[in-house]
PDB file of N, CA and C in Angstrom:
ATOM      1  N   UNK A   1      48.164  72.352 118.725  1.00  0.00           N
ATOM      2  CA  UNK A   1      48.088  71.667 120.020  1.00  0.00           C
ATOM      3  C   UNK A   1      49.237  72.409 120.928  1.00  0.00           C
ATOM      4  N   UNK A   2      50.227  73.390 120.475  1.00  0.00           N
ATOM      5  CA  UNK A   2      50.728  74.211 121.123  1.00  0.00           C
ATOM      6  C   UNK A   2      50.093  75.417 121.860  1.00  0.00           C
ATOM      7  N   UNK A   3      48.979  75.897 121.187  1.00  0.00           N
ATOM      8  CA  UNK A   3      48.187  76.876 121.795  1.00  0.00           C
ATOM      9  C   UNK A   3      47.362  76.138 122.806  1.00  0.00           C
ATOM     10  N   UNK A   4      46.916  75.186 122.680  1.00  0.00           N
ATOM     11  CA  UNK A   4      45.979  74.631 123.736  1.00  0.00           C
ATOM     12  C   UNK A   4      47.100  74.162 125.018  1.00  0.00           C
ATOM     13  N   UNK A   5      48.240  73.867 124.793  1.00  0.00           N
ATOM     14  CA  UNK A   5      49.172  73.403 125.790  1.00  0.00           C
ATOM     15  C   UNK A   5      49.509  74.483 126.587  1.00  0.00           C
ATOM     16  N   UNK A   6      49.471  75.795 125.994  1.00  0.00           N
ATOM     17  CA  UNK A   6      49.980  77.230 126.779  1.00  0.00           C
ATOM     18  C   UNK A   6      48.700  77.631 127.543  1.00  0.00           C
ATOM     19  N   UNK A   7      47.542  77.664 126.856  1.00  0.00           N
ATOM     20  CA  UNK A   7      46.566  77.828 127.661  1.00  0.00           C
ATOM     21  C   UNK A   7      46.168  76.960 128.713  1.00  0.00           C
ATOM     22  N   UNK A   8      45.960  75.680 128.552  1.00  0.00           N
ATOM     23  CA  UNK A   8      46.122  74.780 129.535  1.00  0.00           C
ATOM     24  C   UNK A   8      46.833  75.135 130.780  1.00  0.00           C
ATOM     25  N   UNK A   9      48.401  75.157 130.345  1.00  0.00           N
ATOM     26  CA  UNK A   9      49.153  75.397 131.578  1.00  0.00           C
ATOM     27  C   UNK A   9      48.928  76.306 132.261  1.00  0.00           C
ATOM     28  N   UNK A  10      48.838  77.798 131.471  1.00  0.00           N
ATOM     29  CA  UNK A  10      48.818  79.102 132.326  1.00  0.00           C
ATOM     30  C   UNK A  10      47.222  79.130 132.923  1.00  0.00           C
ATOM     31  N   UNK A  11      46.347  78.485 132.640  1.00  0.00           N
ATOM     32  CA  UNK A  11      45.001  78.495 133.346  1.00  0.00           C
ATOM     33  C   UNK A  11      45.355  77.457 134.717  1.00  0.00           C
ATOM     34  N   UNK A  12      45.782  76.336 134.488  1.00  0.00           N
ATOM     35  CA  UNK A  12      46.375  75.611 135.431  1.00  0.00           C
ATOM     36  C   UNK A  12      47.115  76.102 136.605  1.00  0.00           C
ATOM     37  N   UNK A  13      47.615  77.060 135.894  1.00  0.00           N
ATOM     38  CA  UNK A  13      48.935  77.775 136.910  1.00  0.00           C
ATOM     39  C   UNK A  13      47.996  78.907 137.560  1.00  0.00           C
ATOM     40  N   UNK A  14      47.188  79.730 137.152  1.00  0.00           N
ATOM     41  CA  UNK A  14      46.412  80.378 137.715  1.00  0.00           C
ATOM     42  C   UNK A  14      45.479  79.852 138.844  1.00  0.00           C
ATOM     43  N   UNK A  15      45.457  78.631 138.753  1.00  0.00           N
ATOM     44  CA  UNK A  15      44.295  77.774 139.647  1.00  0.00           C
ATOM     45  C   UNK A  15      44.742  77.410 140.873  1.00  0.00           C
ATOM     46  N   UNK A  16      46.361  77.072 140.423  1.00  0.00           N
ATOM     47  CA  UNK A  16      47.208  76.925 141.605  1.00  0.00           C
ATOM     48  C   UNK A  16      47.452  77.884 142.661  1.00  0.00           C
ATOM     49  N   UNK A  17      47.669  78.938 141.675  1.00  0.00           N
ATOM     50  CA  UNK A  17      47.793  80.384 142.457  1.00  0.00           C
ATOM     51  C   UNK A  17      46.888  80.765 143.167  1.00  0.00           C
ATOM     52  N   UNK A  18      45.855  80.756 143.171  1.00  0.00           N
ATOM     53  CA  UNK A  18      44.548  80.765 143.734  1.00  0.00           C
ATOM     54  C   UNK A  18      44.558  80.247 145.175  1.00  0.00           C
ATOM     55  N   UNK A  19      44.901  78.896 144.871  1.00  0.00           N
ATOM     56  CA  UNK A  19      44.531  77.609 146.054  1.00  0.00           C
ATOM     57  C   UNK A  19      46.130  78.332 146.991  1.00  0.00           C
ATOM     58  N   UNK A  20      47.119  78.622 146.333  1.00  0.00           N
ATOM     59  CA  UNK A  20      48.369  78.858 147.067  1.00  0.00           C
ATOM     60  C   UNK A  20      48.083  80.163 147.817  1.00  0.00           C
ATOM     61  N   UNK A  21      47.528  81.112 147.315  1.00  0.00           N
ATOM     62  CA  UNK A  21      47.130  82.179 148.237  1.00  0.00           C
ATOM     63  C   UNK A  21      45.784  82.021 149.110  1.00  0.00           C
ATOM     64  N   UNK A  22      45.336  80.821 149.013  1.00  0.00           N
ATOM     65  CA  UNK A  22      44.506  80.786 150.016  1.00  0.00           C
ATOM     66  C   UNK A  22      45.144  80.347 151.442  1.00  0.00           C
ATOM     67  N   UNK A  23      46.743  80.063 150.900  1.00  0.00           N
ATOM     68  CA  UNK A  23      47.146  79.406 152.221  1.00  0.00           C
ATOM     69  C   UNK A  23      48.075  80.425 152.789  1.00  0.00           C
ATOM     70  N   UNK A  24      48.038  81.305 152.338  1.00  0.00           N
ATOM     71  CA  UNK A  24      49.170  82.495 152.163  1.00  0.00           C
ATOM     72  C   UNK A  24      48.624  83.938 153.273  1.00  0.00           C
ATOM     73  N   UNK A  25      49.303  83.974 154.079  1.00  0.00           N
ATOM     74  CA  UNK A  25      48.380  85.110 154.894  1.00  0.00           C
ATOM     75  C   UNK A  25      49.503  86.409 155.290  1.00  0.00           C
ATOM     76  N   UNK A  26      50.377  86.348 154.369  1.00  0.00           N
ATOM     77  CA  UNK A  26      51.285  87.771 154.301  1.00  0.00           C
ATOM     78  C   UNK A  26      50.880  88.472 153.287  1.00  0.00           C
ATOM     79  N   UNK A  27      51.203  89.813 152.950  1.00  0.00           N
ATOM     80  CA  UNK A  27      50.914  90.324 151.907  1.00  0.00           C
ATOM     81  C   UNK A  27      52.220  90.160 151.148  1.00  0.00           C
ATOM     82  N   UNK A  28      53.393  90.407 151.640  1.00  0.00           N
ATOM     83  CA  UNK A  28      54.796  90.355 150.934  1.00  0.00           C
ATOM     84  C   UNK A  28      54.585  88.911 150.085  1.00  0.00           C
ATOM     85  N   UNK A  29      54.493  87.915 150.503  1.00  0.00           N
ATOM     86  CA  UNK A  29      54.548  86.679 149.905  1.00  0.00           C
ATOM     87  C   UNK A  29      53.138  86.598 148.635  1.00  0.00           C
ATOM     88  N   UNK A  30      52.058  87.225 148.984  1.00  0.00           N
ATOM     89  CA  UNK A  30      51.013  87.398 147.703  1.00  0.00           C
ATOM     90  C   UNK A  30      51.690  88.350 146.490  1.00  0.00           C
ATOM     91  N   UNK A  31      52.152  89.318 146.966  1.00  0.00           N
ATOM     92  CA  UNK A  31      52.650  90.298 145.958  1.00  0.00           C
ATOM     93  C   UNK A  31      53.911  89.397 145.128  1.00  0.00           C
ATOM     94  N   UNK A  32      54.705  88.804 145.711  1.00  0.00           N
ATOM     95  CA  UNK A  32      55.623  87.978 145.228  1.00  0.00           C
ATOM     96  C   UNK A  32      55.602  86.951 144.347  1.00  0.00           C
ATOM     97  N   UNK A  33      54.588  86.322 144.488  1.00  0.00           N
ATOM     98  CA  UNK A  33      54.026  84.861 144.317  1.00  0.00           C
ATOM     99  C   UNK A  33      53.063  85.437 142.938  1.00  0.00           C
ATOM    100  N   UNK A  34      52.160  86.781 142.805  1.00  0.00           N
ATOM    101  CA  UNK A  34      51.826  87.371 142.022  1.00  0.00           C
ATOM    102  C   UNK A  34      52.618  87.918 140.842  1.00  0.00           C
ATOM    103  N   UNK A  35      53.834  88.162 141.150  1.00  0.00           N
ATOM    104  CA  UNK A  35      54.669  88.942 140.396  1.00  0.00           C
ATOM    105  C   UNK A  35      55.572  87.472 139.928  1.00  0.00           C
ATOM    106  N   UNK A  36      55.571  86.578 140.389  1.00  0.00           N
ATOM    107  CA  UNK A  36      56.506  85.661 139.454  1.00  0.00           C
ATOM    108  C   UNK A  36      55.766  84.281 139.433  1.00  0.00           C
ATOM    109  N   UNK A  37      54.291  84.015 139.511  1.00  0.00           N
ATOM    110  CA  UNK A  37      53.520  83.167 139.381  1.00  0.00           C
ATOM    111  C   UNK A  37      52.325  83.328 138.460  1.00  0.00           C
ATOM    112  N   UNK A  38      51.623  84.736 138.638  1.00  0.00           N
ATOM    113  CA  UNK A  38      50.588  85.028 138.173  1.00  0.00           C
ATOM    114  C   UNK A  38      50.582  85.533 136.587  1.00  0.00           C
ATOM    115  N   UNK A  39      51.952  86.535 136.616  1.00  0.00           N
ATOM    116  CA  UNK A  39      51.597  87.285 135.576  1.00  0.00           C
ATOM    117  C   UNK A  39      52.496  86.707 134.694  1.00  0.00           C
ATOM    118  N   UNK A  40      53.291  85.642 134.567  1.00  0.00           N
ATOM    119  CA  UNK A  40      53.972  84.859 133.980  1.00  0.00           C
ATOM    120  C   UNK A  40      53.106  84.065 133.076  1.00  0.00           C
ATOM    121  N   UNK A  41      51.993  83.445 134.017  1.00  0.00           N
ATOM    122  CA  UNK A  41      50.721  82.434 133.557  1.00  0.00           C
ATOM    123  C   UNK A  41      49.821  83.292 132.705  1.00  0.00           C
ATOM    124  N   UNK A  42      49.564  84.595 133.199  1.00  0.00           N
ATOM    125  CA  UNK A  42      48.613  85.454 132.373  1.00  0.00           C
ATOM    126  C   UNK A  42      49.110  85.460 130.980  1.00  0.00           C
ATOM    127  N   UNK A  43      50.683  86.015 130.806  1.00  0.00           N
ATOM    128  CA  UNK A  43      51.388  85.971 129.738  1.00  0.00           C
ATOM    129  C   UNK A  43      51.513  84.810 128.687  1.00  0.00           C
ATOM    130  N   UNK A  44      51.702  83.611 129.090  1.00  0.00           N
ATOM    131  CA  UNK A  44      51.650  82.583 128.660  1.00  0.00           C
ATOM    132  C   UNK A  44      50.359  82.578 127.986  1.00  0.00           C
ATOM    133  N   UNK A  45      49.024  82.893 128.377  1.00  0.00           N
ATOM    134  CA  UNK A  45      47.927  82.579 128.157  1.00  0.00           C
ATOM    135  C   UNK A  45      47.417  83.592 126.637  1.00  0.00           C
ATOM    136  N   UNK A  46      48.584  84.936 127.117  1.00  0.00           N
ATOM    137  CA  UNK A  46      48.091  85.752 125.949  1.00  0.00           C
ATOM    138  C   UNK A  46      48.841  85.399 125.010  1.00  0.00           C
ATOM    139  N   UNK A  47      49.879  84.799 125.134  1.00  0.00           N
ATOM    140  CA  UNK A  47      51.168  84.167 123.963  1.00  0.00           C
ATOM    141  C   UNK A  47      50.493  83.430 123.067  1.00  0.00           C
ATOM    142  N   UNK A  48      49.372  82.515 123.800  1.00  0.00           N
ATOM    143  CA  UNK A  48      49.039  81.121 123.033  1.00  0.00           C
ATOM    144  C   UNK A  48      47.642  81.625 121.916  1.00  0.00           C
ATOM    145  N   UNK A  49      47.100  82.335 122.762  1.00  0.00           N
ATOM    146  CA  UNK A  49      45.909  83.278 121.980  1.00  0.00           C
ATOM    147  C   UNK A  49      46.507  83.881 120.754  1.00  0.00           C
ATOM    148  N   UNK A  50      47.533  84.460 120.887  1.00  0.00           N
ATOM    149  CA  UNK A  50      48.220  85.527 119.901  1.00  0.00           C
ATOM    150  C   UNK A  50      49.424  85.118 118.622  1.00  0.00           C
ATOM    151  N   UNK A  51      49.939  83.818 119.296  1.00  0.00           N
ATOM    152  CA  UNK A  51      50.991  82.996 118.538  1.00  0.00           C
ATOM    153  C   UNK A  51      51.794  84.040 118.729  1.00  0.00           C
ATOM    154  N   UNK A  52      52.265  84.432 119.625  1.00  0.00           N
ATOM    155  CA  UNK A  52      53.670  85.233 120.060  1.00  0.00           C
ATOM    156  C   UNK A  52      54.505  84.262 120.831  1.00  0.00           C
ATOM    157  N   UNK A  53      55.437  83.540 119.986  1.00  0.00           N
ATOM    158  CA  UNK A  53      56.224  82.609 120.843  1.00  0.00           C
ATOM    159  C   UNK A  53      57.153  83.314 121.532  1.00  0.00           C
ATOM    160  N   UNK A  54      57.739  84.230 121.503  1.00  0.00           N
ATOM    161  CA  UNK A  54      58.528  85.277 122.207  1.00  0.00           C
ATOM    162  C   UNK A  54      58.262  84.961 123.938  1.00  0.00           C
ATOM    163  N   UNK A  55      56.788  85.305 124.041  1.00  0.00           N
ATOM    164  CA  UNK A  55      56.299  85.818 125.107  1.00  0.00           C
ATOM    165  C   UNK A  55      56.200  84.507 125.864  1.00  0.00           C
ATOM    166  N   UNK A  56      55.751  83.079 125.483  1.00  0.00           N
ATOM    167  CA  UNK A  56      56.233  81.884 125.786  1.00  0.00           C
ATOM    168  C   UNK A  56      57.359  81.551 126.628  1.00  0.00           C
ATOM    169  N   UNK A  57      58.487  81.947 125.816  1.00  0.00           N
ATOM    170  CA  UNK A  57      59.491  81.833 126.348  1.00  0.00           C
ATOM    171  C   UNK A  57      59.824  82.862 127.489  1.00  0.00           C
ATOM    172  N   UNK A  58      59.392  84.143 127.442  1.00  0.00           N
ATOM    173  CA  UNK A  58      59.716  84.893 128.487  1.00  0.00           C
ATOM    174  C   UNK A  58      58.680  84.449 129.734  1.00  0.00           C
ATOM    175  N   UNK A  59      57.651  84.045 129.415  1.00  0.00           N
ATOM    176  CA  UNK A  59      56.943  83.227 130.785  1.00  0.00           C
ATOM    177  C   UNK A  59      57.557  81.881 131.483  1.00  0.00           C
ATOM    178  N   UNK A  60      58.512  81.279 130.720  1.00  0.00           N
ATOM    179  CA  UNK A  60      58.930  80.439 130.969  1.00  0.00           C
ATOM    180  C   UNK A  60      60.376  80.901 131.841  1.00  0.00           C
ATOM    181  N   UNK A  61      61.019  81.695 131.246  1.00  0.00           N
ATOM    182  CA  UNK A  61      62.061  82.374 132.224  1.00  0.00           C
ATOM    183  C   UNK A  61      62.053  83.046 133.471  1.00  0.00           C
ATOM    184  N   UNK A  62      61.095  83.623 133.366  1.00  0.00           N
ATOM    185  CA  UNK A  62      60.373  84.713 134.534  1.00  0.00           C
ATOM    186  C   UNK A  62      59.858  83.707 135.398  1.00  0.00           C
ATOM    187  N   UNK A  63      58.919  82.533 135.141  1.00  0.00           N
ATOM    188  CA  UNK A  63      58.579  81.823 136.258  1.00  0.00           C
ATOM    189  C   UNK A  63      59.532  80.506 136.684  1.00  0.00           C
ATOM    190  N   UNK A  64      60.796  80.510 136.185  1.00  0.00           N
ATOM    191  CA  UNK A  64      61.165  79.367 136.111  1.00  0.00           C
ATOM    192  C   UNK A  64      62.136  79.572 137.942  1.00  0.00           C
ATOM    193  N   UNK A  65      62.540  80.634 138.527  1.00  0.00           N
ATOM    194  CA  UNK A  65      63.317  80.373 139.576  1.00  0.00           C
ATOM    195  C   UNK A  65      62.142  80.167 140.774  1.00  0.00           C
ATOM    196  N   UNK A  66      61.090  80.832 140.777  1.00  0.00           N
ATOM    197  CA  UNK A  66      60.253  80.074 141.883  1.00  0.00           C
ATOM    198  C   UNK A  66      59.548  78.716 141.911  1.00  0.00           C
ATOM    199  N   UNK A  67      59.288  78.425 140.323  1.00  0.00           N
ATOM    200  CA  UNK A  67      58.696  77.292 140.071  1.00  0.00           C
ATOM    201  C   UNK A  67      59.958  76.229 140.244  1.00  0.00           C
ATOM    202  N   UNK A  68      61.173  76.189 139.953  1.00  0.00           N
ATOM    203  CA  UNK A  68      62.104  75.677 140.352  1.00  0.00           C
ATOM    204  C   UNK A  68      62.457  75.229 141.960  1.00  0.00           C
ATOM    205  N   UNK A  69      61.784  76.183 142.135  1.00  0.00           N
ATOM    206  CA  UNK A  69      62.270  75.991 143.985  1.00  0.00           C
ATOM    207  C   UNK A  69      60.894  75.162 144.351  1.00  0.00           C
ATOM    208  N   UNK A  70      59.665  75.398 143.771  1.00  0.00           N
ATOM    209  CA  UNK A  70      58.491  74.410 144.176  1.00  0.00           C
ATOM    210  C   UNK A  70      58.495  73.180 143.857  1.00  0.00           C
ATOM    211  N   UNK A  71      59.384  72.772 142.860  1.00  0.00           N
ATOM    212  CA  UNK A  71      59.306  71.266 142.326  1.00  0.00           C
ATOM    213  C   UNK A  71      60.119  70.692 143.421  1.00  0.00           C
ATOM    214  N   UNK A  72      60.628  71.140 144.436  1.00  0.00           N
ATOM    215  CA  UNK A  72      61.122  70.351 145.424  1.00  0.00           C
ATOM    216  C   UNK A  72      60.741  69.963 146.710  1.00  0.00           C
ATOM    217  N   UNK A  73      59.188  70.965 147.045  1.00  0.00           N
ATOM    218  CA  UNK A  73      58.520  70.791 148.014  1.00  0.00           C
ATOM    219  C   UNK A  73      57.722  69.252 147.886  1.00  0.00           C
ATOM    220  N   UNK A  74      56.959  69.218 148.885  1.00  0.00           N
ATOM    221  CA  UNK A  74      56.344  67.796 148.771  1.00  0.00           C
ATOM    222  C   UNK A  74      54.656  68.309 148.886  1.00  0.00           C
ATOM    223  N   UNK A  75      54.768  68.960 148.021  1.00  0.00           N
ATOM    224  CA  UNK A  75      53.027  69.670 148.314  1.00  0.00           C
ATOM    225  C   UNK A  75      52.468  69.868 146.656  1.00  0.00           C
ATOM    226  N   UNK A  76      51.282  70.084 146.464  1.00  0.00           N
ATOM    227  CA  UNK A  76      50.796  70.100 145.137  1.00  0.00           C
ATOM    228  C   UNK A  76      51.482  71.417 144.432  1.00  0.00           C
ATOM    229  N   UNK A  77      51.964  72.265 145.205  1.00  0.00           N
ATOM    230  CA  UNK A  77      52.512  73.168 144.467  1.00  0.00           C
ATOM    231  C   UNK A  77      54.018  72.806 143.731  1.00  0.00           C
ATOM    232  N   UNK A  78      54.218  71.572 143.698  1.00  0.00           N
ATOM    233  CA  UNK A  78      55.282  71.025 143.050  1.00  0.00           C
ATOM    234  C   UNK A  78      54.869  71.163 141.474  1.00  0.00           C
ATOM    235  N   UNK A  79      53.446  71.108 141.442  1.00  0.00           N
ATOM    236  CA  UNK A  79      53.009  71.205 139.747  1.00  0.00           C
ATOM    237  C   UNK A  79      53.618  72.531 139.352  1.00  0.00           C
ATOM    238  N   UNK A  80      53.844  73.679 139.588  1.00  0.00           N
ATOM    239  CA  UNK A  80      54.038  74.764 139.103  1.00  0.00           C
ATOM    240  C   UNK A  80      55.090  74.303 138.229  1.00  0.00           C
ATOM    241  N   UNK A  81      56.118  73.574 138.725  1.00  0.00           N
ATOM    242  CA  UNK A  81      57.164  73.236 137.754  1.00  0.00           C
ATOM    243  C   UNK A  81      56.780  72.804 136.411  1.00  0.00           C
ATOM    244  N   UNK A  82      55.756  71.718 136.343  1.00  0.00           N
ATOM    245  CA  UNK A  82      55.031  71.026 135.278  1.00  0.00           C
ATOM    246  C   UNK A  82      54.468  72.176 134.354  1.00  0.00           C
ATOM    247  N   UNK A  83      54.007  73.097 135.031  1.00  0.00           N
ATOM    248  CA  UNK A  83      53.408  74.143 134.392  1.00  0.00           C
ATOM    249  C   UNK A  83      54.201  75.082 133.469  1.00  0.00           C
ATOM    250  N   UNK A  84      55.611  75.081 134.090  1.00  0.00           N
ATOM    251  CA  UNK A  84      56.568  76.148 133.777  1.00  0.00           C
ATOM    252  C   UNK A  84      57.186  75.406 132.508  1.00  0.00           C
ATOM    253  N   UNK A  85      57.294  73.957 132.603  1.00  0.00           N
ATOM    254  CA  UNK A  85      57.930  73.327 131.534  1.00  0.00           C
ATOM    255  C   UNK A  85      57.083  73.140 130.408  1.00  0.00           C
ATOM    256  N   UNK A  86      55.868  73.205 130.611  1.00  0.00           N
ATOM    257  CA  UNK A  86      54.949  73.341 129.155  1.00  0.00           C
ATOM    258  C   UNK A  86      55.017  74.799 128.861  1.00  0.00           C
ATOM    259  N   UNK A  87      55.237  75.882 129.328  1.00  0.00           N
ATOM    260  CA  UNK A  87      55.310  77.007 128.722  1.00  0.00           C
ATOM    261  C   UNK A  87      56.516  76.635 127.730  1.00  0.00           C
ATOM    262  N   UNK A  88      57.745  75.908 128.287  1.00  0.00           N
ATOM    263  CA  UNK A  88      58.649  75.762 127.146  1.00  0.00           C
ATOM    264  C   UNK A  88      58.371  75.027 126.140  1.00  0.00           C
ATOM    265  N   UNK A  89      57.749  73.805 126.225  1.00  0.00           N
ATOM    266  CA  UNK A  89      57.573  72.855 125.284  1.00  0.00           C
ATOM    267  C   UNK A  89      56.348  73.433 124.346  1.00  0.00           C
ATOM    268  N   UNK A  90      55.588  74.314 124.733  1.00  0.00           N
ATOM    269  CA  UNK A  90      54.518  75.232 123.725  1.00  0.00           C
ATOM    270  C   UNK A  90      55.448  75.828 122.800  1.00  0.00           C
ATOM    271  N   UNK A  91      56.820  76.368 123.598  1.00  0.00           N
ATOM    272  CA  UNK A  91      57.232  77.584 122.825  1.00  0.00           C
ATOM    273  C   UNK A  91      58.000  76.774 121.814  1.00  0.00           C
ATOM    274  N   UNK A  92      58.506  75.627 121.885  1.00  0.00           N
ATOM    275  CA  UNK A  92      59.001  74.765 120.674  1.00  0.00           C
ATOM    276  C   UNK A  92      58.099  74.333 119.895  1.00  0.00           C
ATOM    277  N   UNK A  93      56.463  73.860 120.554  1.00  0.00           N
ATOM    278  CA  UNK A  93      55.911  73.444 119.456  1.00  0.00           C
ATOM    279  C   UNK A  93      55.146  74.370 118.455  1.00  0.00           C
ATOM    280  N   UNK A  94      55.294  75.613 119.045  1.00  0.00           N
ATOM    281  CA  UNK A  94      54.822  76.571 117.932  1.00  0.00           C
ATOM    282  C   UNK A  94      55.666  76.663 116.964  1.00  0.00           C
ATOM    283  N   UNK A  95      54.940  76.673 115.746  1.00  0.00           N
ATOM    284  CA  UNK A  95      56.074  76.722 114.492  1.00  0.00           C
ATOM    285  C   UNK A  95      56.213  78.434 114.692  1.00  0.00           C
ATOM    286  N   UNK A  96      57.230  78.782 113.844  1.00  0.00           N
ATOM    287  CA  UNK A  96      57.938  80.155 113.825  1.00  0.00           C
ATOM    288  C   UNK A  96      57.129  80.809 113.039  1.00  0.00           C
ATOM    289  N   UNK A  97      56.531  80.355 111.788  1.00  0.00           N
ATOM    290  CA  UNK A  97      55.592  80.693 110.937  1.00  0.00           C
ATOM    291  C   UNK A  97      54.308  81.389 111.733  1.00  0.00           C
ATOM    292  N   UNK A  98      53.848  81.184 112.529  1.00  0.00           N
ATOM    293  CA  UNK A  98      52.481  81.302 113.327  1.00  0.00           C
ATOM    294  C   UNK A  98      52.706  82.736 113.966  1.00  0.00           C
ATOM    295  N   UNK A  99      53.779  83.201 114.231  1.00  0.00           N
ATOM    296  CA  UNK A  99      54.057  84.471 114.240  1.00  0.00           C
ATOM    297  C   UNK A  99      53.350  85.602 113.677  1.00  0.00           C
TER     298      UNK A  99
END
């Protein structure tokens, strides 16, 4: 369950990131969202495939600032907060012995 939750949350974050960047025209915003949303999503997917719990926690902490900000927007991008929380839930559900 933890594996699929991490993969699903990471994949959904990547899809949201692609949609977000279709609305962004500035290169600075593109780079900032790439570093704070896309890379943690990719790391969460990697962590779920390899059962490395620590990478899920890093993904959560890394994406938390921008995801927390986007939660308070009145748009579809508030779902980044949900995917961020899913990284943390997946971290807790993954058994320590699976590492």
